[in-house]
Each structure stands twice: as structure tokens, then as C-alpha cells.
N, C-alpha and C. Protein backbone atom coordinates (compact mmCIF):
# COMPACT_ATOMS: atom_id res chain seq x y z
N MET A 1 98.50 28.76 131.29
CA MET A 1 97.15 28.05 132.44
C MET A 1 96.25 27.79 131.40
N LYS A 2 95.29 26.90 131.45
CA LYS A 2 94.22 26.24 130.65
C LYS A 2 93.22 27.38 130.73
N PRO A 3 92.79 27.61 129.44
CA PRO A 3 91.60 28.77 129.21
C PRO A 3 90.56 28.25 130.44
N ARG A 4 89.88 27.18 130.77
CA ARG A 4 89.14 26.85 131.56
C ARG A 4 89.47 27.39 133.05
N LEU A 5 90.61 27.03 133.39
CA LEU A 5 90.69 27.50 134.79
C LEU A 5 91.16 29.20 134.94
N LEU A 6 91.54 29.59 133.66
CA LEU A 6 91.59 31.05 133.71
C LEU A 6 90.48 31.56 133.92
N VAL A 7 89.22 31.16 133.35
CA VAL A 7 88.11 31.69 133.20
C VAL A 7 87.59 31.64 134.54
N LEU A 8 87.55 30.49 135.29
CA LEU A 8 87.14 30.40 136.75
C LEU A 8 88.11 30.71 137.33
N VAL A 9 88.94 31.10 137.41
CA VAL A 9 89.85 32.03 138.37
C VAL A 9 89.18 33.74 138.02
N ALA A 10 88.92 34.23 137.14
CA ALA A 10 88.47 35.53 136.77
C ALA A 10 86.95 35.31 137.50
N ILE A 11 86.30 34.33 137.21
CA ILE A 11 84.81 34.64 138.07
C ILE A 11 85.05 34.47 139.37
N VAL A 12 85.51 33.48 139.85
CA VAL A 12 86.10 33.87 141.31
C VAL A 12 86.28 34.84 141.82
N ALA A 13 87.47 35.72 141.19
CA ALA A 13 87.91 36.97 141.53
C ALA A 13 86.79 37.87 141.47
N PHE A 14 85.92 37.90 140.45
CA PHE A 14 84.94 39.02 140.50
C PHE A 14 84.15 38.70 141.26
N VAL A 15 83.23 37.57 141.41
CA VAL A 15 82.52 37.33 142.69
C VAL A 15 83.34 37.71 144.18
N ALA A 16 84.27 37.64 144.33
CA ALA A 16 85.01 38.07 145.65
C ALA A 16 84.93 39.53 145.67
N ALA A 17 85.25 40.04 144.41
CA ALA A 17 85.36 41.51 144.58
C ALA A 17 83.85 42.10 144.70
N VAL A 18 82.86 41.66 144.23
CA VAL A 18 81.50 42.20 144.20
C VAL A 18 81.02 41.77 145.94
N ALA A 19 81.53 40.68 146.37
CA ALA A 19 81.26 40.49 147.88
C ALA A 19 82.00 41.47 148.98
N GLY A 20 83.30 41.59 148.44
CA GLY A 20 83.98 42.62 149.36
C GLY A 20 83.14 43.80 149.30
N VAL A 21 83.08 44.37 148.20
CA VAL A 21 81.90 45.69 148.12
C VAL A 21 80.94 45.96 149.05
N PHE A 22 80.09 44.61 148.62
CA PHE A 22 78.85 44.61 149.69
C PHE A 22 78.87 44.45 151.10
N LEU A 23 80.13 43.62 151.10
CA LEU A 23 80.35 43.35 153.01
C LEU A 23 80.77 44.76 153.65
N GLY A 24 81.30 45.26 152.82
CA GLY A 24 82.28 46.58 153.22
C GLY A 24 81.13 47.56 153.19
N ARG A 25 80.23 47.98 152.39
CA ARG A 25 79.24 49.03 152.47
C ARG A 25 78.26 48.52 153.59
N HIS A 26 77.91 47.39 153.95
CA HIS A 26 76.95 46.84 154.71
C HIS A 26 77.55 46.90 156.11
N PHE A 27 78.61 46.48 156.71
CA PHE A 27 79.04 46.46 157.82
C PHE A 27 80.28 47.60 158.29
N LEU A 28 80.83 48.14 157.49
CA LEU A 28 81.77 49.31 157.88
C LEU A 28 80.79 50.67 158.02
N PRO A 29 81.18 51.51 158.90
CA PRO A 29 80.57 52.59 158.96
C PRO A 29 80.77 53.59 157.82
N HIS A 30 79.70 54.21 157.37
CA HIS A 30 79.81 55.28 156.40
C HIS A 30 80.15 56.48 156.82
N PRO A 31 81.17 57.20 156.21
CA PRO A 31 81.72 58.59 156.72
C PRO A 31 80.57 59.42 156.24
N VAL A 32 81.11 60.67 157.17
CA VAL A 32 79.78 61.76 156.97
C VAL A 32 80.66 62.95 156.41
N ALA A 33 80.39 63.42 155.10
CA ALA A 33 81.24 64.50 154.56
C ALA A 33 81.48 65.70 155.56
N GLY A 34 82.39 66.26 155.39
CA GLY A 34 82.63 67.55 156.60
C GLY A 34 81.61 68.55 156.30
N GLY A 35 81.31 68.73 155.20
CA GLY A 35 80.08 69.76 154.79
C GLY A 35 78.84 69.53 155.31
N VAL A 36 78.46 68.38 155.37
CA VAL A 36 77.19 67.50 155.96
C VAL A 36 77.19 68.08 157.00
N GLU A 37 78.48 67.43 158.05
CA GLU A 37 78.38 68.10 159.52
C GLU A 37 78.25 69.19 159.91
N LEU A 38 79.10 69.92 159.00
CA LEU A 38 78.85 71.35 159.49
C LEU A 38 77.79 72.11 159.21
N HIS A 39 76.94 71.67 158.35
CA HIS A 39 75.56 71.99 157.54
C HIS A 39 74.82 71.94 159.04
N ASP A 40 75.07 70.62 159.42
CA ASP A 40 74.08 69.99 160.42
C ASP A 40 74.35 71.05 161.82
N VAL A 41 75.61 71.29 162.03
CA VAL A 41 75.77 72.03 163.24
C VAL A 41 75.15 73.44 163.10
N LEU A 42 75.32 74.06 162.22
CA LEU A 42 74.73 75.31 161.59
C LEU A 42 73.55 75.52 161.85
N HIS A 43 72.69 74.39 161.28
CA HIS A 43 71.29 74.49 161.33
C HIS A 43 70.46 73.97 162.23
N SER A 44 71.09 72.97 163.06
CA SER A 44 70.52 72.51 164.30
C SER A 44 71.16 72.61 165.49
N LYS A 45 72.32 72.97 165.62
CA LYS A 45 72.88 73.27 167.43
C LYS A 45 73.14 74.46 167.49
N LEU A 46 73.31 75.52 166.72
CA LEU A 46 73.56 76.74 166.98
C LEU A 46 72.43 77.92 167.63
N ASP A 47 70.99 77.27 167.64
CA ASP A 47 70.02 78.02 168.06
C ASP A 47 70.20 79.23 167.19
N LEU A 48 70.22 79.41 165.96
CA LEU A 48 70.01 80.69 165.42
C LEU A 48 68.61 81.53 165.27
N ASP A 49 68.86 82.96 165.55
CA ASP A 49 67.64 83.49 165.78
C ASP A 49 67.25 83.78 164.16
N ASP A 50 66.05 84.23 163.72
CA ASP A 50 65.32 84.42 162.50
C ASP A 50 66.48 85.40 161.63
N ARG A 51 66.90 86.37 162.36
CA ARG A 51 67.93 87.53 161.40
C ARG A 51 68.96 86.36 161.19
N GLN A 52 69.65 85.59 161.85
CA GLN A 52 70.73 84.89 161.41
C GLN A 52 70.37 83.77 160.53
N LYS A 53 69.26 83.28 160.29
CA LYS A 53 68.86 82.23 159.37
C LYS A 53 68.66 82.84 158.06
N ALA A 54 68.14 83.98 158.05
CA ALA A 54 67.74 84.57 157.02
C ALA A 54 69.21 85.26 156.28
N GLN A 55 70.03 85.66 157.20
CA GLN A 55 71.52 86.04 156.72
C GLN A 55 72.09 84.88 155.95
N ILE A 56 72.22 83.65 156.74
CA ILE A 56 72.89 82.57 156.48
C ILE A 56 72.18 81.97 155.11
N GLU A 57 70.80 82.10 155.13
CA GLU A 57 70.25 81.56 153.89
C GLU A 57 70.75 82.06 152.78
N LEU A 58 70.66 83.56 152.74
CA LEU A 58 71.19 84.33 151.40
C LEU A 58 72.77 84.02 151.33
N LEU A 59 73.11 83.70 152.00
CA LEU A 59 74.85 83.25 152.00
C LEU A 59 74.72 82.22 151.21
N GLU A 60 74.17 81.36 151.92
CA GLU A 60 74.06 79.83 151.02
C GLU A 60 73.57 79.87 149.85
N GLN A 61 72.58 80.60 149.39
CA GLN A 61 71.82 80.81 148.15
C GLN A 61 73.11 81.43 147.35
N ARG A 62 73.71 82.37 147.51
CA ARG A 62 74.67 83.03 146.72
C ARG A 62 75.97 81.94 146.43
N PHE A 63 76.36 81.36 147.38
CA PHE A 63 77.25 80.45 147.58
C PHE A 63 77.19 79.17 146.55
N ALA A 64 75.91 78.60 146.55
CA ALA A 64 75.41 77.44 145.89
C ALA A 64 75.76 77.93 144.35
N VAL A 65 75.39 78.90 143.76
CA VAL A 65 75.48 79.22 142.42
C VAL A 65 77.01 79.27 142.00
N ARG A 66 77.93 80.11 143.05
CA ARG A 66 79.12 80.14 142.91
C ARG A 66 80.04 78.47 142.66
N ARG A 67 79.56 77.94 143.75
CA ARG A 67 80.22 76.47 143.76
C ARG A 67 79.67 75.66 142.82
N ARG A 68 78.79 75.92 142.41
CA ARG A 68 78.33 75.10 140.99
C ARG A 68 78.75 75.33 139.62
N ALA A 69 79.19 76.88 139.64
CA ALA A 69 80.12 77.20 138.35
C ALA A 69 81.41 76.81 138.72
N LEU A 70 82.00 76.79 139.84
CA LEU A 70 83.39 76.25 139.85
C LEU A 70 83.57 74.67 139.93
N GLU A 71 82.33 74.09 139.82
CA GLU A 71 82.48 72.44 140.03
C GLU A 71 82.55 72.25 138.54
N LEU A 72 81.59 72.82 137.73
CA LEU A 72 81.52 72.95 136.52
C LEU A 72 82.68 73.23 135.74
N GLU A 73 83.48 74.00 136.29
CA GLU A 73 84.75 74.44 135.58
C GLU A 73 85.78 73.27 136.06
N LEU A 74 85.70 72.68 137.12
CA LEU A 74 86.59 71.50 137.12
C LEU A 74 86.20 70.29 136.54
N ARG A 75 85.12 70.21 136.09
CA ARG A 75 84.64 69.08 135.29
C ARG A 75 85.22 69.21 133.91
N ALA A 76 85.19 70.72 133.42
CA ALA A 76 85.58 70.91 132.27
C ALA A 76 87.14 70.71 131.99
N ASP A 77 87.76 70.82 133.01
CA ASP A 77 89.05 70.65 133.25
C ASP A 77 89.56 69.19 133.04
N ASN A 78 88.95 68.56 133.95
CA ASN A 78 89.06 67.18 133.77
C ASN A 78 88.73 66.59 132.64
N ALA A 79 87.87 66.93 131.85
CA ALA A 79 87.46 66.54 130.32
C ALA A 79 88.71 67.12 129.62
N ARG A 80 89.62 68.34 129.85
CA ARG A 80 90.68 68.38 128.78
C ARG A 80 91.71 67.70 129.50
N LEU A 81 91.98 67.49 130.62
CA LEU A 81 92.92 66.60 130.60
C LEU A 81 92.89 65.05 130.54
N ALA A 82 91.63 64.52 130.43
CA ALA A 82 91.54 63.38 129.88
C ALA A 82 91.88 63.60 128.00
N ASP A 83 91.62 64.66 127.43
CA ASP A 83 91.79 64.62 126.15
C ASP A 83 93.51 64.99 125.93
N ALA A 84 93.88 65.45 126.79
CA ALA A 84 95.54 65.56 126.79
C ALA A 84 96.28 64.34 127.02
N ILE A 85 95.55 63.54 127.98
CA ILE A 85 96.05 62.13 128.06
C ILE A 85 95.81 61.26 127.14
N GLU A 86 94.56 61.37 126.54
CA GLU A 86 94.50 60.72 125.43
C GLU A 86 95.16 60.78 123.80
N THR A 87 95.72 62.44 123.85
CA THR A 87 96.49 62.59 123.09
C THR A 87 97.73 62.30 123.15
N GLU A 88 98.30 62.43 124.27
CA GLU A 88 100.11 62.42 124.56
C GLU A 88 100.49 60.91 125.13
N HIS A 89 99.21 60.18 125.53
CA HIS A 89 99.87 58.90 126.16
C HIS A 89 100.67 58.84 127.22
N GLY A 90 101.01 60.02 127.79
CA GLY A 90 102.23 59.99 128.91
C GLY A 90 102.09 61.46 129.33
N ASN A 91 103.19 61.85 130.12
CA ASN A 91 103.18 63.42 130.84
C ASN A 91 103.49 64.13 130.16
N GLY A 92 103.19 64.43 129.13
CA GLY A 92 103.43 65.48 128.18
C GLY A 92 103.07 67.07 128.59
N PRO A 93 103.52 67.81 127.83
CA PRO A 93 102.91 69.35 128.19
C PRO A 93 101.72 69.54 128.13
N GLY A 94 100.97 69.28 127.40
CA GLY A 94 99.39 69.23 127.52
C GLY A 94 98.51 68.82 128.60
N VAL A 95 99.28 67.46 128.94
CA VAL A 95 98.55 66.77 130.58
C VAL A 95 99.30 67.76 131.44
N ALA A 96 100.42 68.38 131.49
CA ALA A 96 101.06 69.23 132.78
C ALA A 96 100.07 70.30 132.55
N ALA A 97 99.88 70.86 131.44
CA ALA A 97 99.04 72.50 131.29
C ALA A 97 97.43 72.11 132.16
N ALA A 98 97.14 70.87 131.57
CA ALA A 98 95.53 70.56 131.88
C ALA A 98 95.63 70.23 133.51
N VAL A 99 96.68 69.60 134.04
CA VAL A 99 96.72 69.50 135.40
C VAL A 99 96.98 70.88 136.19
N ASP A 100 97.95 71.79 135.91
CA ASP A 100 97.86 73.17 136.67
C ASP A 100 96.56 73.94 136.52
N GLN A 101 95.97 73.81 135.20
CA GLN A 101 94.70 74.48 135.07
C GLN A 101 93.71 73.91 136.07
N SER A 102 93.49 72.79 136.13
CA SER A 102 92.57 72.04 137.16
C SER A 102 93.03 72.48 138.46
N HIS A 103 94.39 72.43 139.06
CA HIS A 103 94.60 72.71 140.42
C HIS A 103 94.24 74.20 140.53
N GLN A 104 94.22 75.24 139.69
CA GLN A 104 94.06 76.57 139.94
C GLN A 104 92.42 76.47 140.46
N ALA A 105 91.60 75.98 139.34
CA ALA A 105 90.04 75.60 139.88
C ALA A 105 89.66 75.37 141.06
N MET A 106 90.57 74.31 141.36
CA MET A 106 90.52 73.50 143.00
C MET A 106 90.71 74.55 144.01
N GLY A 107 91.93 75.18 143.80
CA GLY A 107 92.35 76.23 144.80
C GLY A 107 91.35 77.36 144.80
N GLN A 108 90.81 77.71 143.55
CA GLN A 108 89.78 78.83 143.79
C GLN A 108 88.34 78.43 144.38
N LEU A 109 88.03 77.08 144.41
CA LEU A 109 87.12 76.71 145.03
C LEU A 109 87.21 76.51 146.69
N GLN A 110 88.72 76.23 146.93
CA GLN A 110 88.83 76.15 148.55
C GLN A 110 88.82 77.64 148.86
N LYS A 111 89.30 78.46 148.27
CA LYS A 111 89.51 79.78 148.95
C LYS A 111 88.30 80.45 149.04
N GLU A 112 87.26 79.99 147.95
CA GLU A 112 85.74 80.64 147.88
C GLU A 112 85.05 80.18 149.13
N THR A 113 85.19 78.50 149.27
CA THR A 113 84.41 77.82 150.28
C THR A 113 85.02 78.43 151.71
N LEU A 114 86.50 78.73 151.89
CA LEU A 114 86.59 79.67 152.90
C LEU A 114 86.20 80.59 153.20
N GLY A 115 86.41 81.50 152.24
CA GLY A 115 85.43 82.71 152.30
C GLY A 115 83.91 82.70 152.70
N HIS A 116 83.27 81.87 152.23
CA HIS A 116 81.86 81.34 152.64
C HIS A 116 81.81 81.22 154.34
N ILE A 117 82.56 80.42 154.57
CA ILE A 117 82.61 79.66 155.82
C ILE A 117 82.94 81.21 156.75
N PHE A 118 83.58 81.75 156.58
CA PHE A 118 83.89 82.88 157.31
C PHE A 118 82.90 83.78 157.07
N ALA A 119 82.34 83.95 156.20
CA ALA A 119 81.32 85.17 156.06
C ALA A 119 80.12 84.60 156.97
N MET A 120 79.88 83.39 156.87
CA MET A 120 78.73 82.81 157.85
C MET A 120 79.46 83.09 159.48
N ARG A 121 80.36 82.68 159.92
CA ARG A 121 80.96 82.87 161.25
C ARG A 121 80.65 84.28 161.37
N GLN A 122 80.77 85.32 160.74
CA GLN A 122 80.46 86.80 161.28
C GLN A 122 79.06 87.03 161.60
N ILE A 123 78.32 86.20 161.21
CA ILE A 123 76.79 86.31 161.58
C ILE A 123 76.47 85.51 162.88
N LEU A 124 77.41 85.02 163.05
CA LEU A 124 77.22 84.28 164.83
C LEU A 124 77.74 85.02 166.17
N ARG A 125 77.10 84.71 167.01
CA ARG A 125 77.43 85.54 168.34
C ARG A 125 78.64 84.55 168.80
N PRO A 126 79.57 85.13 169.85
CA PRO A 126 80.46 84.29 170.32
C PRO A 126 80.43 83.01 170.80
N ASP A 127 79.30 82.47 171.28
CA ASP A 127 79.14 81.42 171.85
C ASP A 127 79.21 80.40 170.45
N GLN A 128 77.81 80.93 169.58
CA GLN A 128 78.17 80.05 168.27
C GLN A 128 79.08 79.88 167.67
N ALA A 129 79.97 81.10 167.62
CA ALA A 129 81.17 80.78 166.88
C ALA A 129 81.99 79.88 167.34
N LYS A 130 82.02 79.78 168.67
CA LYS A 130 83.33 78.64 169.11
C LYS A 130 82.42 77.31 169.02
N THR A 131 81.39 76.84 168.78
CA THR A 131 80.83 75.58 168.33
C THR A 131 81.02 75.33 166.91
N PHE A 132 80.95 76.54 165.95
CA PHE A 132 80.86 76.40 164.63
C PHE A 132 82.50 76.07 164.21
N ASP A 133 83.45 76.91 164.80
CA ASP A 133 84.81 76.86 164.67
C ASP A 133 85.40 75.30 165.07
N GLN A 134 84.90 74.61 166.08
CA GLN A 134 85.01 73.39 166.54
C GLN A 134 84.81 72.48 165.50
N ALA A 135 83.25 72.74 164.94
CA ALA A 135 82.99 71.53 163.64
C ALA A 135 83.64 71.86 162.49
N VAL A 136 84.42 73.00 162.22
CA VAL A 136 85.25 73.27 161.07
C VAL A 136 86.44 72.71 161.22
N VAL A 137 87.21 72.71 162.48
CA VAL A 137 88.16 72.17 162.59
C VAL A 137 88.10 70.80 162.50
N HIS A 138 87.12 70.19 163.00
CA HIS A 138 86.76 68.70 163.11
C HIS A 138 86.50 68.15 161.43
N ALA A 139 85.71 69.11 160.73
CA ALA A 139 85.18 68.54 159.51
C ALA A 139 86.88 68.41 158.52
N LEU A 140 87.62 69.42 158.96
CA LEU A 140 89.00 69.56 158.17
C LEU A 140 89.94 68.50 158.66
N THR A 141 89.85 68.23 159.97
CA THR A 141 90.67 67.10 160.29
C THR A 141 90.29 65.50 160.76
N ASP A 142 89.03 65.36 160.32
CA ASP A 142 88.48 64.13 160.77
C ASP A 142 89.15 62.90 160.20
N ASP A 143 89.70 62.93 159.01
CA ASP A 143 90.03 62.01 158.04
C ASP A 143 91.59 61.74 158.51
N ALA A 144 92.43 63.00 159.11
CA ALA A 144 93.81 62.90 159.63
C ALA A 144 93.78 61.88 160.76
N ARG A 145 92.76 62.06 161.79
CA ARG A 145 92.67 61.36 162.87
C ARG A 145 92.55 59.97 162.86
């Protein structure tokens, strides 16, 4: 292939890719993250009393600190994984160990997130808990539907 034709094909492919991203962002619906939807249900649709609001606020403050720590741990794990990939240039023992460590942190984040959700649920009245449970299930299964 001639160099001029190759450059023209590369430019056309780049412009098409940018146009595709722009059109997709403009016309396709933006997914709502499950956590955002759950937060909206908790704070807007459950008619919490002042005591419940205060208890949930305290739980959210505590969990935000723990979640941030776990997210930083995951970032560090990703950096170790990147270093192992750069060193081994394949799926060697360092890469496998870094992946395992990352999975442990992900699992811990998921467990603590569930613990946080269950702690908030304990504060709710039965009628509120039913709505909350439906929102949790929807948040967990929305992509699968």
C-alpha cells in the first residue's frame, strides 16, 4: 500500500472513530450507576425520619473513608500488576501474584459494601426495607437484563 493511501486510511479511520464516540455519547442513553440509583432511592424515595437520616449519614461517612482506602489499595494493586507485566512481558508468577492480590482487594471491597448496605437496611422500617431491597436487586441485576 502506498504511503499516501495508508495515511488517508488512517485519517479516515480516526475521524470515523471520533464521530462514532460523539454520536454514541449524544444519542445513546447514559447508564446510571447502581450506587447512584440506590443513593437516590435511599435519600429521596423512602421518607426517612430525622433519626434515620442521622444514622445513615454516620454510616455513609464511615464507609466513605473505608471505601476510599480500599480503592487506593486497588490502585496500588493495579500499579504492581502493571510493573509485573512490564517486567515479565507475559503471564508469569509476578503477574499471577499481582492479579491474586488485586482480587483479594476487590473481594474485600465488595464484602464491605454489602456490609454497609445491610447496616443501612437495619435502620429502615419494613415498608422502607422492601423498597430498598428492590433497588438493591435492580442495581445488581440491571446490566444482566
